[in-house]
Amino acid sequence: DAVRVVGTAGLIGGGEPELPIDEHLEVLRG
């Protein structure tokens, strides 16, 4: 039930650079 992030890419703007964007966090929760 855990996710180990390998990497993120895109125009993320603000926040922790390797943290997925909110929409992706919602997908993971879903």
PDB file of all heavy atoms in Angstrom:
ATOM      1  N   ASP A   1       0.816  -1.211   0.000  1.00  0.00           N
ATOM      2  CA  ASP A   1       0.000   0.000   0.000  1.00  0.00           C
ATOM      3  C   ASP A   1       0.851   1.264   0.000  1.00  0.00           C
ATOM      4  O   ASP A   1       0.344   2.367   0.221  1.00  0.00           O
ATOM      5  CB  ASP A   1      -0.951   0.004   1.196  1.00  0.00           C
ATOM      6  CG  ASP A   1      -2.078  -1.010   1.024  1.00  0.00           C
ATOM      7  OD1 ASP A   1      -2.472  -1.274  -0.130  1.00  0.00           O
ATOM      8  OD2 ASP A   1      -2.571  -1.525   2.044  1.00  0.00           O
ATOM      9  N   ALA A   2       2.152   1.105  -0.253  1.00  0.00           N
ATOM     10  CA  ALA A   2       3.065   2.250  -0.330  1.00  0.00           C
ATOM     11  C   ALA A   2       3.511   2.462  -1.771  1.00  0.00           C
ATOM     12  O   ALA A   2       3.518   1.539  -2.585  1.00  0.00           O
ATOM     13  CB  ALA A   2       4.293   2.016   0.553  1.00  0.00           C
ATOM     14  N   VAL A   3       3.867   3.692  -2.060  1.00  0.00           N
ATOM     15  CA  VAL A   3       4.394   4.081  -3.371  1.00  0.00           C
ATOM     16  C   VAL A   3       5.821   4.564  -3.164  1.00  0.00           C
ATOM     17  O   VAL A   3       6.061   5.424  -2.320  1.00  0.00           O
ATOM     18  CB  VAL A   3       3.547   5.231  -3.970  1.00  0.00           C
ATOM     19  CG1 VAL A   3       4.243   5.852  -5.144  1.00  0.00           C
ATOM     20  CG2 VAL A   3       2.185   4.743  -4.353  1.00  0.00           C
ATOM     21  N   ARG A   4       6.748   4.005  -3.917  1.00  0.00           N
ATOM     22  CA  ARG A   4       8.136   4.475  -3.883  1.00  0.00           C
ATOM     23  C   ARG A   4       8.384   5.245  -5.179  1.00  0.00           C
ATOM     24  O   ARG A   4       8.479   4.644  -6.241  1.00  0.00           O
ATOM     25  CB  ARG A   4       9.093   3.303  -3.736  1.00  0.00           C
ATOM     26  CG  ARG A   4       8.853   2.554  -2.444  1.00  0.00           C
ATOM     27  CD  ARG A   4       9.930   1.541  -2.129  1.00  0.00           C
ATOM     28  NE  ARG A   4       9.635   0.900  -0.851  1.00  0.00           N
ATOM     29  CZ  ARG A   4       9.893   1.427   0.343  1.00  0.00           C
ATOM     30  NH1 ARG A   4      10.464   2.613   0.417  1.00  0.00           N
ATOM     31  NH2 ARG A   4       9.578   0.782   1.441  1.00  0.00           N
ATOM     32  N   VAL A   5       8.437   6.569  -5.051  1.00  0.00           N
ATOM     33  CA  VAL A   5       8.586   7.428  -6.222  1.00  0.00           C
ATOM     34  C   VAL A   5       9.986   7.257  -6.794  1.00  0.00           C
ATOM     35  O   VAL A   5      10.985   7.342  -6.077  1.00  0.00           O
ATOM     36  CB  VAL A   5       8.328   8.904  -5.857  1.00  0.00           C
ATOM     37  CG1 VAL A   5       8.614   9.816  -7.041  1.00  0.00           C
ATOM     38  CG2 VAL A   5       6.897   9.088  -5.384  1.00  0.00           C
ATOM     39  N   VAL A   6      10.050   6.996  -8.092  1.00  0.00           N
ATOM     40  CA  VAL A   6      11.325   6.902  -8.803  1.00  0.00           C
ATOM     41  C   VAL A   6      11.711   8.287  -9.307  1.00  0.00           C
ATOM     42  O   VAL A   6      12.861   8.681  -9.242  1.00  0.00           O
ATOM     43  CB  VAL A   6      11.220   5.900  -9.981  1.00  0.00           C
ATOM     44  CG1 VAL A   6      12.485   5.909 -10.818  1.00  0.00           C
ATOM     45  CG2 VAL A   6      10.913   4.507  -9.461  1.00  0.00           C
ATOM     46  N   GLY A   7      10.727   9.038  -9.818  1.00  0.00           N
ATOM     47  CA  GLY A   7      11.007  10.379 -10.302  1.00  0.00           C
ATOM     48  C   GLY A   7       9.744  11.068 -10.785  1.00  0.00           C
ATOM     49  O   GLY A   7       8.714  10.436 -11.009  1.00  0.00           O
ATOM     50  N   THR A   8       9.845  12.378 -10.889  1.00  0.00           N
ATOM     51  CA  THR A   8       8.756  13.193 -11.427  1.00  0.00           C
ATOM     52  C   THR A   8       9.339  14.092 -12.503  1.00  0.00           C
ATOM     53  O   THR A   8      10.532  14.400 -12.490  1.00  0.00           O
ATOM     54  CB  THR A   8       8.105  14.067 -10.337  1.00  0.00           C
ATOM     55  OG1 THR A   8       9.100  14.923  -9.772  1.00  0.00           O
ATOM     56  CG2 THR A   8       7.477  13.222  -9.240  1.00  0.00           C
ATOM     57  N   ALA A   9       8.488  14.525 -13.428  1.00  0.00           N
ATOM     58  CA  ALA A   9       8.936  15.443 -14.485  1.00  0.00           C
ATOM     59  C   ALA A   9       7.768  16.341 -14.859  1.00  0.00           C
ATOM     60  O   ALA A   9       6.608  15.944 -14.782  1.00  0.00           O
ATOM     61  CB  ALA A   9       9.412  14.663 -15.704  1.00  0.00           C
ATOM     62  N   GLY A  10       8.096  17.546 -15.270  1.00  0.00           N
ATOM     63  CA  GLY A  10       7.094  18.507 -15.702  1.00  0.00           C
ATOM     64  C   GLY A  10       7.331  19.850 -15.060  1.00  0.00           C
ATOM     65  O   GLY A  10       8.284  20.039 -14.293  1.00  0.00           O
ATOM     66  N   LEU A  11       6.466  20.788 -15.365  1.00  0.00           N
ATOM     67  CA  LEU A  11       6.547  22.121 -14.781  1.00  0.00           C
ATOM     68  C   LEU A  11       5.860  22.093 -13.432  1.00  0.00           C
ATOM     69  O   LEU A  11       4.672  22.334 -13.319  1.00  0.00           O
ATOM     70  CB  LEU A  11       5.879  23.150 -15.701  1.00  0.00           C
ATOM     71  CG  LEU A  11       6.485  23.253 -17.100  1.00  0.00           C
ATOM     72  CD1 LEU A  11       5.642  24.176 -17.965  1.00  0.00           C
ATOM     73  CD2 LEU A  11       7.909  23.758 -17.009  1.00  0.00           C
ATOM     74  N   ILE A  12       6.613  21.780 -12.387  1.00  0.00           N
ATOM     75  CA  ILE A  12       5.996  21.511 -11.092  1.00  0.00           C
ATOM     76  C   ILE A  12       5.816  22.780 -10.269  1.00  0.00           C
ATOM     77  O   ILE A  12       4.880  22.905  -9.554  1.00  0.00           O
ATOM     78  CB  ILE A  12       6.790  20.429 -10.338  1.00  0.00           C
ATOM     79  CG1 ILE A  12       6.685  19.151 -11.150  1.00  0.00           C
ATOM     80  CG2 ILE A  12       6.289  20.247  -8.932  1.00  0.00           C
ATOM     81  CD1 ILE A  12       7.401  17.983 -10.611  1.00  0.00           C
ATOM     82  N   GLY A  13       6.658  23.743 -10.320  1.00  0.00           N
ATOM     83  CA  GLY A  13       6.466  25.027  -9.655  1.00  0.00           C
ATOM     84  C   GLY A  13       6.165  24.961  -8.165  1.00  0.00           C
ATOM     85  O   GLY A  13       5.087  24.591  -7.758  1.00  0.00           O
ATOM     86  N   GLY A  14       7.113  25.316  -7.334  1.00  0.00           N
ATOM     87  CA  GLY A  14       6.902  25.364  -5.893  1.00  0.00           C
ATOM     88  C   GLY A  14       6.876  23.978  -5.273  1.00  0.00           C
ATOM     89  O   GLY A  14       6.794  22.967  -5.945  1.00  0.00           O
ATOM     90  N   GLY A  15       6.961  23.947  -3.971  1.00  0.00           N
ATOM     91  CA  GLY A  15       6.918  22.671  -3.263  1.00  0.00           C
ATOM     92  C   GLY A  15       8.213  21.891  -3.421  1.00  0.00           C
ATOM     93  O   GLY A  15       9.184  22.345  -3.996  1.00  0.00           O
ATOM     94  N   GLU A  16       8.207  20.715  -2.892  1.00  0.00           N
ATOM     95  CA  GLU A  16       9.385  19.855  -2.946  1.00  0.00           C
ATOM     96  C   GLU A  16       9.551  19.319  -4.363  1.00  0.00           C
ATOM     97  O   GLU A  16       8.617  18.771  -4.932  1.00  0.00           O
ATOM     98  CB  GLU A  16       9.203  18.708  -1.951  1.00  0.00           C
ATOM     99  CG  GLU A  16      10.457  17.928  -1.747  1.00  0.00           C
ATOM    100  CD  GLU A  16      10.394  17.044  -0.517  1.00  0.00           C
ATOM    101  OE1 GLU A  16       9.497  17.232   0.309  1.00  0.00           O
ATOM    102  OE2 GLU A  16      11.256  16.176  -0.406  1.00  0.00           O
ATOM    103  N   PRO A  17      10.733  19.463  -4.973  1.00  0.00           N
ATOM    104  CA  PRO A  17      10.914  19.108  -6.380  1.00  0.00           C
ATOM    105  C   PRO A  17      10.541  17.677  -6.755  1.00  0.00           C
ATOM    106  O   PRO A  17      10.067  17.438  -7.836  1.00  0.00           O
ATOM    107  CB  PRO A  17      12.406  19.344  -6.628  1.00  0.00           C
ATOM    108  CG  PRO A  17      12.851  20.239  -5.550  1.00  0.00           C
ATOM    109  CD  PRO A  17      11.939  19.998  -4.384  1.00  0.00           C
ATOM    110  N   GLU A  18      10.740  16.732  -5.870  1.00  0.00           N
ATOM    111  CA  GLU A  18      10.456  15.341  -6.232  1.00  0.00           C
ATOM    112  C   GLU A  18       9.057  14.902  -5.818  1.00  0.00           C
ATOM    113  O   GLU A  18       8.668  13.778  -6.039  1.00  0.00           O
ATOM    114  CB  GLU A  18      11.509  14.413  -5.633  1.00  0.00           C
ATOM    115  CG  GLU A  18      11.660  14.548  -4.150  1.00  0.00           C
ATOM    116  CD  GLU A  18      12.876  13.825  -3.598  1.00  0.00           C
ATOM    117  OE1 GLU A  18      13.823  13.553  -4.327  1.00  0.00           O
ATOM    118  OE2 GLU A  18      12.845  13.514  -2.397  1.00  0.00           O
ATOM    119  N   LEU A  19       8.269  15.797  -5.220  1.00  0.00           N
ATOM    120  CA  LEU A  19       6.911  15.470  -4.801  1.00  0.00           C
ATOM    121  C   LEU A  19       5.974  15.517  -6.005  1.00  0.00           C
ATOM    122  O   LEU A  19       5.977  16.487  -6.754  1.00  0.00           O
ATOM    123  CB  LEU A  19       6.445  16.457  -3.739  1.00  0.00           C
ATOM    124  CG  LEU A  19       5.182  16.129  -2.975  1.00  0.00           C
ATOM    125  CD1 LEU A  19       5.354  14.839  -2.178  1.00  0.00           C
ATOM    126  CD2 LEU A  19       4.829  17.272  -2.039  1.00  0.00           C
ATOM    127  N   PRO A  20       5.172  14.473  -6.236  1.00  0.00           N
ATOM    128  CA  PRO A  20       4.233  14.492  -7.364  1.00  0.00           C
ATOM    129  C   PRO A  20       3.226  15.639  -7.234  1.00  0.00           C
ATOM    130  O   PRO A  20       2.927  16.093  -6.130  1.00  0.00           O
ATOM    131  CB  PRO A  20       3.515  13.141  -7.251  1.00  0.00           C
ATOM    132  CG  PRO A  20       4.452  12.272  -6.478  1.00  0.00           C
ATOM    133  CD  PRO A  20       5.148  13.200  -5.515  1.00  0.00           C
ATOM    134  N   ILE A  21       2.691  16.079  -8.371  1.00  0.00           N
ATOM    135  CA  ILE A  21       1.686  17.132  -8.351  1.00  0.00           C
ATOM    136  C   ILE A  21       0.407  16.620  -7.691  1.00  0.00           C
ATOM    137  O   ILE A  21       0.186  15.408  -7.585  1.00  0.00           O
ATOM    138  CB  ILE A  21       1.404  17.689  -9.767  1.00  0.00           C
ATOM    139  CG1 ILE A  21       0.855  16.607 -10.690  1.00  0.00           C
ATOM    140  CG2 ILE A  21       2.645  18.356 -10.339  1.00  0.00           C
ATOM    141  CD1 ILE A  21       0.381  17.124 -12.047  1.00  0.00           C
ATOM    142  N   ASP A  22      -0.442  17.539  -7.257  1.00  0.00           N
ATOM    143  CA  ASP A  22      -1.659  17.186  -6.524  1.00  0.00           C
ATOM    144  C   ASP A  22      -2.538  16.191  -7.270  1.00  0.00           C
ATOM    145  O   ASP A  22      -3.081  15.262  -6.665  1.00  0.00           O
ATOM    146  CB  ASP A  22      -2.477  18.439  -6.202  1.00  0.00           C
ATOM    147  CG  ASP A  22      -1.815  19.306  -5.140  1.00  0.00           C
ATOM    148  OD1 ASP A  22      -0.941  18.797  -4.415  1.00  0.00           O
ATOM    149  OD2 ASP A  22      -2.186  20.493  -5.042  1.00  0.00           O
ATOM    150  N   GLU A  23      -2.697  16.367  -8.583  1.00  0.00           N
ATOM    151  CA  GLU A  23      -3.537  15.461  -9.363  1.00  0.00           C
ATOM    152  C   GLU A  23      -3.020  14.030  -9.300  1.00  0.00           C
ATOM    153  O   GLU A  23      -3.789  13.078  -9.226  1.00  0.00           O
ATOM    154  CB  GLU A  23      -3.627  15.914 -10.826  1.00  0.00           C
ATOM    155  CG  GLU A  23      -4.406  17.202 -11.025  1.00  0.00           C
ATOM    156  CD  GLU A  23      -3.557  18.459 -10.853  1.00  0.00           C
ATOM    157  OE1 GLU A  23      -2.394  18.372 -10.352  1.00  0.00           O
ATOM    158  OE2 GLU A  23      -4.059  19.531 -11.200  1.00  0.00           O
ATOM    159  N   HIS A  24      -1.706  13.863  -9.309  1.00  0.00           N
ATOM    160  CA  HIS A  24      -1.110  12.529  -9.244  1.00  0.00           C
ATOM    161  C   HIS A  24      -1.260  11.938  -7.840  1.00  0.00           C
ATOM    162  O   HIS A  24      -1.470  10.729  -7.691  1.00  0.00           O
ATOM    163  CB  HIS A  24       0.348  12.564  -9.676  1.00  0.00           C
ATOM    164  CG  HIS A  24       0.515  12.897 -11.117  1.00  0.00           C
ATOM    165  ND1 HIS A  24       1.725  12.777 -11.760  1.00  0.00           N
ATOM    166  CD2 HIS A  24      -0.362  13.348 -12.064  1.00  0.00           C
ATOM    167  CE1 HIS A  24       1.583  13.146 -13.032  1.00  0.00           C
ATOM    168  NE2 HIS A  24       0.316  13.504 -13.219  1.00  0.00           N
ATOM    169  N   LEU A  25      -1.168  12.795  -6.813  1.00  0.00           N
ATOM    170  CA  LEU A  25      -1.399  12.313  -5.452  1.00  0.00           C
ATOM    171  C   LEU A  25      -2.842  11.816  -5.304  1.00  0.00           C
ATOM    172  O   LEU A  25      -3.082  10.795  -4.652  1.00  0.00           O
ATOM    173  CB  LEU A  25      -1.103  13.426  -4.438  1.00  0.00           C
ATOM    174  CG  LEU A  25       0.362  13.843  -4.336  1.00  0.00           C
ATOM    175  CD1 LEU A  25       0.499  15.052  -3.423  1.00  0.00           C
ATOM    176  CD2 LEU A  25       1.247  12.702  -3.881  1.00  0.00           C
ATOM    177  N   GLU A  26      -3.783  12.515  -5.934  1.00  0.00           N
ATOM    178  CA  GLU A  26      -5.186  12.081  -5.894  1.00  0.00           C
ATOM    179  C   GLU A  26      -5.362  10.730  -6.580  1.00  0.00           C
ATOM    180  O   GLU A  26      -6.125   9.889  -6.114  1.00  0.00           O
ATOM    181  CB  GLU A  26      -6.097  13.131  -6.520  1.00  0.00           C
ATOM    182  CG  GLU A  26      -6.301  14.352  -5.653  1.00  0.00           C
ATOM    183  CD  GLU A  26      -6.879  14.018  -4.283  1.00  0.00           C
ATOM    184  OE1 GLU A  26      -7.818  13.207  -4.195  1.00  0.00           O
ATOM    185  OE2 GLU A  26      -6.370  14.571  -3.296  1.00  0.00           O
ATOM    186  N   VAL A  27      -4.680  10.521  -7.706  1.00  0.00           N
ATOM    187  CA  VAL A  27      -4.739   9.229  -8.392  1.00  0.00           C
ATOM    188  C   VAL A  27      -4.215   8.128  -7.471  1.00  0.00           C
ATOM    189  O   VAL A  27      -4.842   7.071  -7.338  1.00  0.00           O
ATOM    190  CB  VAL A  27      -3.946   9.255  -9.718  1.00  0.00           C
ATOM    191  CG1 VAL A  27      -3.778   7.857 -10.292  1.00  0.00           C
ATOM    192  CG2 VAL A  27      -4.624  10.176 -10.727  1.00  0.00           C
ATOM    193  N   LEU A  28      -3.095   8.372  -6.814  1.00  0.00           N
ATOM    194  CA  LEU A  28      -2.517   7.369  -5.917  1.00  0.00           C
ATOM    195  C   LEU A  28      -3.471   7.046  -4.774  1.00  0.00           C
ATOM    196  O   LEU A  28      -3.660   5.877  -4.423  1.00  0.00           O
ATOM    197  CB  LEU A  28      -1.163   7.848  -5.392  1.00  0.00           C
ATOM    198  CG  LEU A  28      -0.072   7.965  -6.456  1.00  0.00           C
ATOM    199  CD1 LEU A  28       1.152   8.690  -5.898  1.00  0.00           C
ATOM    200  CD2 LEU A  28       0.308   6.601  -7.008  1.00  0.00           C
ATOM    201  N   ARG A  29      -4.095   8.072  -4.198  1.00  0.00           N
ATOM    202  CA  ARG A  29      -5.091   7.841  -3.141  1.00  0.00           C
ATOM    203  C   ARG A  29      -6.261   7.016  -3.679  1.00  0.00           C
ATOM    204  O   ARG A  29      -6.735   6.092  -3.025  1.00  0.00           O
ATOM    205  CB  ARG A  29      -5.612   9.169  -2.602  1.00  0.00           C
ATOM    206  CG  ARG A  29      -4.655   9.889  -1.702  1.00  0.00           C
ATOM    207  CD  ARG A  29      -5.300  11.155  -1.122  1.00  0.00           C
ATOM    208  NE  ARG A  29      -4.283  11.998  -0.547  1.00  0.00           N
ATOM    209  CZ  ARG A  29      -3.791  13.101  -1.115  1.00  0.00           C
ATOM    210  NH1 ARG A  29      -4.267  13.530  -2.277  1.00  0.00           N
ATOM    211  NH2 ARG A  29      -2.846  13.786  -0.517  1.00  0.00           N
ATOM    212  N   GLY A  30      -6.720   7.373  -4.881  1.00  0.00           N
ATOM    213  CA  GLY A  30      -7.840   6.670  -5.492  1.00  0.00           C
ATOM    214  C   GLY A  30      -7.542   5.207  -5.761  1.00  0.00           C
ATOM    215  O   GLY A  30      -8.455   4.370  -5.783  1.00  0.00           O
TER     216      GLY A  30
END
